[in-house]
């Protein structure tokens, strides 16, 4: 499975729509940023370091998307089930 959200991508959590805002796909670790109209955000990290074991992890926040996106490599990422508990 490979996620490809592109600029028109959307992400839904707990009925809230998160719209694609940024993506960084230059390396084997890729990042995709999604923002809700309320300011909440999700940054998804796709790690293709091992092509046969690709992982997807998520960082979330209620505000401060711009700062989080800039520092995306240093964020704490969790699995989807742990991410949804944050909302």
N, C-alpha and C. Protein backbone atom coordinates (compact mmCIF):
# COMPACT_ATOMS: atom_id res chain seq x y z
N UNK A 1 0.85 -1.17 0.00
CA UNK A 1 0.00 0.00 0.00
C UNK A 1 0.89 1.23 0.00
N UNK A 2 0.51 2.23 -0.75
CA UNK A 2 1.26 3.48 -0.82
C UNK A 2 0.26 4.64 -0.82
N UNK A 3 0.39 5.55 0.14
CA UNK A 3 -0.51 6.70 0.19
C UNK A 3 -0.02 7.74 -0.81
N UNK A 4 -0.92 8.29 -1.58
CA UNK A 4 -0.59 9.38 -2.49
C UNK A 4 -1.73 10.37 -2.42
N UNK A 5 -1.61 11.33 -1.54
CA UNK A 5 -2.70 12.26 -1.33
C UNK A 5 -2.71 13.40 -2.33
N UNK A 6 -1.54 13.79 -2.83
CA UNK A 6 -1.48 14.91 -3.75
C UNK A 6 -2.07 16.17 -3.13
N UNK A 7 -2.17 17.22 -3.86
CA UNK A 7 -2.66 18.48 -3.31
C UNK A 7 -4.16 18.45 -3.05
N UNK A 8 -4.91 17.56 -3.69
CA UNK A 8 -6.35 17.49 -3.48
C UNK A 8 -6.73 16.50 -2.40
N UNK A 9 -5.75 15.93 -1.72
CA UNK A 9 -6.01 14.91 -0.72
C UNK A 9 -6.75 15.43 0.50
N UNK A 10 -7.54 14.54 1.08
CA UNK A 10 -8.27 14.84 2.30
C UNK A 10 -8.11 13.68 3.25
N UNK A 11 -8.26 13.98 4.51
CA UNK A 11 -8.10 13.00 5.57
C UNK A 11 -9.25 13.24 6.54
N UNK A 12 -9.93 12.22 6.98
CA UNK A 12 -11.05 12.38 7.91
C UNK A 12 -10.77 11.66 9.21
N UNK A 13 -10.96 12.37 10.33
CA UNK A 13 -10.81 11.79 11.66
C UNK A 13 -11.97 12.29 12.51
N UNK A 14 -12.68 11.36 13.12
CA UNK A 14 -13.80 11.72 13.99
C UNK A 14 -14.76 12.68 13.29
N UNK A 15 -14.98 12.46 11.99
CA UNK A 15 -15.91 13.27 11.22
C UNK A 15 -15.37 14.64 10.81
N UNK A 16 -14.16 14.96 11.18
CA UNK A 16 -13.57 16.25 10.84
C UNK A 16 -12.71 16.10 9.60
N UNK A 17 -12.86 17.05 8.68
CA UNK A 17 -12.11 17.02 7.43
C UNK A 17 -10.77 17.74 7.57
N UNK A 18 -9.70 17.05 7.21
CA UNK A 18 -8.36 17.63 7.17
C UNK A 18 -7.96 17.68 5.70
N UNK A 19 -7.54 18.83 5.24
CA UNK A 19 -7.21 19.04 3.82
C UNK A 19 -5.70 19.14 3.66
N UNK A 20 -5.19 18.56 2.58
CA UNK A 20 -3.75 18.59 2.30
C UNK A 20 -3.26 20.03 2.26
N UNK A 21 -2.14 20.26 2.93
CA UNK A 21 -1.56 21.58 2.98
C UNK A 21 -0.13 21.59 2.44
N UNK A 22 0.66 20.59 2.82
CA UNK A 22 2.05 20.52 2.40
C UNK A 22 2.46 19.07 2.19
N UNK A 23 3.48 18.88 1.37
CA UNK A 23 4.09 17.56 1.27
C UNK A 23 5.58 17.72 0.98
N UNK A 24 6.34 16.80 1.54
CA UNK A 24 7.79 16.76 1.35
C UNK A 24 8.11 15.33 0.95
N UNK A 25 8.35 15.11 -0.33
CA UNK A 25 8.55 13.75 -0.86
C UNK A 25 9.93 13.57 -1.48
N UNK A 26 10.88 14.38 -1.06
CA UNK A 26 12.21 14.36 -1.68
C UNK A 26 13.06 13.16 -1.26
N UNK A 27 12.75 12.52 -0.13
CA UNK A 27 13.60 11.46 0.39
C UNK A 27 12.79 10.19 0.66
N UNK A 28 13.45 9.16 1.20
CA UNK A 28 12.74 7.91 1.50
C UNK A 28 11.79 8.09 2.67
N UNK A 29 12.02 9.08 3.52
CA UNK A 29 11.04 9.45 4.55
C UNK A 29 10.28 10.65 4.01
N UNK A 30 8.98 10.45 3.81
CA UNK A 30 8.13 11.49 3.21
C UNK A 30 7.16 12.01 4.25
N UNK A 31 6.77 13.28 4.11
CA UNK A 31 5.84 13.90 5.06
C UNK A 31 4.68 14.53 4.30
N UNK A 32 3.49 14.40 4.87
CA UNK A 32 2.28 14.98 4.30
C UNK A 32 1.56 15.73 5.41
N UNK A 33 1.27 17.01 5.18
CA UNK A 33 0.60 17.82 6.19
C UNK A 33 -0.85 18.08 5.84
N UNK A 34 -1.72 17.94 6.83
CA UNK A 34 -3.16 18.14 6.67
C UNK A 34 -3.66 19.07 7.77
N UNK A 35 -4.54 20.01 7.41
CA UNK A 35 -5.05 20.98 8.38
C UNK A 35 -6.57 21.04 8.28
N UNK A 36 -7.22 21.12 9.45
CA UNK A 36 -8.67 21.30 9.52
C UNK A 36 -8.98 22.79 9.64
N UNK A 37 -10.19 23.17 9.32
CA UNK A 37 -10.58 24.58 9.40
C UNK A 37 -10.50 25.10 10.84
N UNK A 38 -10.50 24.21 11.82
CA UNK A 38 -10.43 24.58 13.23
C UNK A 38 -8.99 24.85 13.69
N UNK A 39 -8.00 24.55 12.84
CA UNK A 39 -6.60 24.73 13.20
C UNK A 39 -5.92 23.44 13.64
N UNK A 40 -6.70 22.38 13.90
CA UNK A 40 -6.09 21.10 14.23
C UNK A 40 -5.33 20.60 13.01
N UNK A 41 -4.28 19.81 13.24
CA UNK A 41 -3.51 19.32 12.11
C UNK A 41 -3.03 17.89 12.34
N UNK A 42 -2.70 17.26 11.22
CA UNK A 42 -2.09 15.93 11.20
C UNK A 42 -0.91 16.01 10.25
N UNK A 43 0.22 15.50 10.69
CA UNK A 43 1.36 15.33 9.79
C UNK A 43 1.63 13.84 9.72
N UNK A 44 1.56 13.30 8.52
CA UNK A 44 1.80 11.87 8.32
C UNK A 44 3.22 11.67 7.81
N UNK A 45 3.90 10.71 8.40
CA UNK A 45 5.27 10.36 7.98
C UNK A 45 5.22 8.97 7.34
N UNK A 46 5.68 8.91 6.11
CA UNK A 46 5.77 7.63 5.37
C UNK A 46 7.26 7.29 5.29
N UNK A 47 7.63 6.15 5.85
CA UNK A 47 9.03 5.75 5.87
C UNK A 47 9.24 4.59 4.91
N UNK A 48 9.92 4.87 3.80
CA UNK A 48 10.22 3.86 2.77
C UNK A 48 11.65 3.36 2.87
N UNK A 49 12.29 3.54 4.03
CA UNK A 49 13.68 3.12 4.19
C UNK A 49 13.87 1.66 3.82
N UNK A 50 12.93 0.82 4.23
CA UNK A 50 12.93 -0.59 3.84
C UNK A 50 11.72 -0.80 2.93
N UNK A 51 11.91 -0.89 1.63
CA UNK A 51 10.79 -0.95 0.68
C UNK A 51 9.77 -2.06 0.94
N UNK A 52 10.18 -3.11 1.60
CA UNK A 52 9.25 -4.20 1.88
C UNK A 52 8.57 -4.06 3.24
N UNK A 53 8.88 -2.99 3.96
CA UNK A 53 8.28 -2.76 5.29
C UNK A 53 8.01 -1.27 5.47
N UNK A 54 7.21 -0.68 4.59
CA UNK A 54 6.88 0.75 4.66
C UNK A 54 6.00 1.00 5.88
N UNK A 55 6.32 2.06 6.62
CA UNK A 55 5.51 2.41 7.79
C UNK A 55 4.87 3.78 7.62
N UNK A 56 3.71 3.94 8.25
CA UNK A 56 2.97 5.20 8.26
C UNK A 56 2.74 5.58 9.72
N UNK A 57 3.15 6.77 10.11
CA UNK A 57 2.97 7.25 11.46
C UNK A 57 2.44 8.68 11.41
N UNK A 58 1.84 9.12 12.51
CA UNK A 58 1.11 10.38 12.53
C UNK A 58 1.47 11.23 13.74
N UNK A 59 1.59 12.53 13.53
CA UNK A 59 1.75 13.51 14.60
C UNK A 59 0.55 14.44 14.52
N UNK A 60 0.06 14.88 15.66
CA UNK A 60 -1.14 15.73 15.67
C UNK A 60 -0.94 16.94 16.55
N UNK A 61 -1.81 17.90 16.37
CA UNK A 61 -1.81 19.08 17.22
C UNK A 61 -3.09 19.86 17.05
N UNK A 62 -3.36 20.73 18.00
CA UNK A 62 -4.58 21.54 17.95
C UNK A 62 -4.33 22.93 17.37
N UNK A 63 -3.09 23.39 17.44
CA UNK A 63 -2.70 24.69 16.86
C UNK A 63 -1.23 24.63 16.49
N UNK A 64 -0.77 25.63 15.77
CA UNK A 64 0.65 25.75 15.47
C UNK A 64 1.15 24.89 14.32
N UNK A 65 0.33 24.71 13.31
CA UNK A 65 0.73 23.86 12.19
C UNK A 65 2.04 24.32 11.54
N UNK A 66 2.19 25.62 11.30
CA UNK A 66 3.39 26.12 10.61
C UNK A 66 4.68 25.76 11.34
N UNK A 67 4.68 25.91 12.64
CA UNK A 67 5.85 25.56 13.45
C UNK A 67 6.08 24.05 13.40
N UNK A 68 4.99 23.30 13.52
CA UNK A 68 5.10 21.83 13.49
C UNK A 68 5.63 21.36 12.14
N UNK A 69 5.14 21.94 11.06
CA UNK A 69 5.60 21.53 9.73
C UNK A 69 7.09 21.81 9.57
N UNK A 70 7.52 22.96 10.01
CA UNK A 70 8.94 23.31 9.91
C UNK A 70 9.81 22.32 10.69
N UNK A 71 9.34 21.88 11.85
CA UNK A 71 10.09 20.95 12.68
C UNK A 71 9.62 19.51 12.57
N UNK A 72 9.02 19.15 11.45
CA UNK A 72 8.38 17.84 11.27
C UNK A 72 9.29 16.65 11.55
N UNK A 73 10.56 16.75 11.22
CA UNK A 73 11.46 15.61 11.42
C UNK A 73 11.65 15.28 12.90
N UNK A 74 11.47 16.25 13.78
CA UNK A 74 11.70 16.04 15.21
C UNK A 74 10.43 15.75 16.00
N UNK A 75 9.27 15.71 15.33
CA UNK A 75 8.01 15.45 16.04
C UNK A 75 7.94 14.00 16.51
N UNK A 76 7.06 13.74 17.46
CA UNK A 76 6.79 12.38 17.92
C UNK A 76 5.64 11.83 17.10
N UNK A 77 5.86 10.69 16.46
CA UNK A 77 4.85 10.07 15.59
C UNK A 77 4.32 8.79 16.22
N UNK A 78 3.02 8.54 16.02
CA UNK A 78 2.37 7.37 16.58
C UNK A 78 1.59 6.64 15.49
N UNK A 79 1.07 5.49 15.84
CA UNK A 79 0.21 4.76 14.92
C UNK A 79 -1.16 5.42 14.83
N UNK A 80 -1.93 5.05 13.83
CA UNK A 80 -3.23 5.68 13.58
C UNK A 80 -4.16 5.57 14.79
N UNK A 81 -4.20 4.40 15.43
CA UNK A 81 -5.12 4.24 16.56
C UNK A 81 -4.74 5.15 17.72
N UNK A 82 -3.47 5.40 17.93
CA UNK A 82 -3.04 6.32 18.97
C UNK A 82 -3.28 7.76 18.57
N UNK A 83 -3.18 8.05 17.28
CA UNK A 83 -3.43 9.40 16.79
C UNK A 83 -4.88 9.80 17.02
N UNK A 84 -5.81 8.91 16.72
CA UNK A 84 -7.22 9.26 16.84
C UNK A 84 -7.61 9.53 18.28
N UNK A 85 -6.90 8.96 19.24
CA UNK A 85 -7.19 9.23 20.65
C UNK A 85 -6.88 10.67 21.01
N UNK A 86 -6.00 11.34 20.23
CA UNK A 86 -5.64 12.73 20.50
C UNK A 86 -6.77 13.69 20.14
N UNK A 87 -7.71 13.24 19.34
CA UNK A 87 -8.83 14.10 18.95
C UNK A 87 -10.03 13.69 19.73
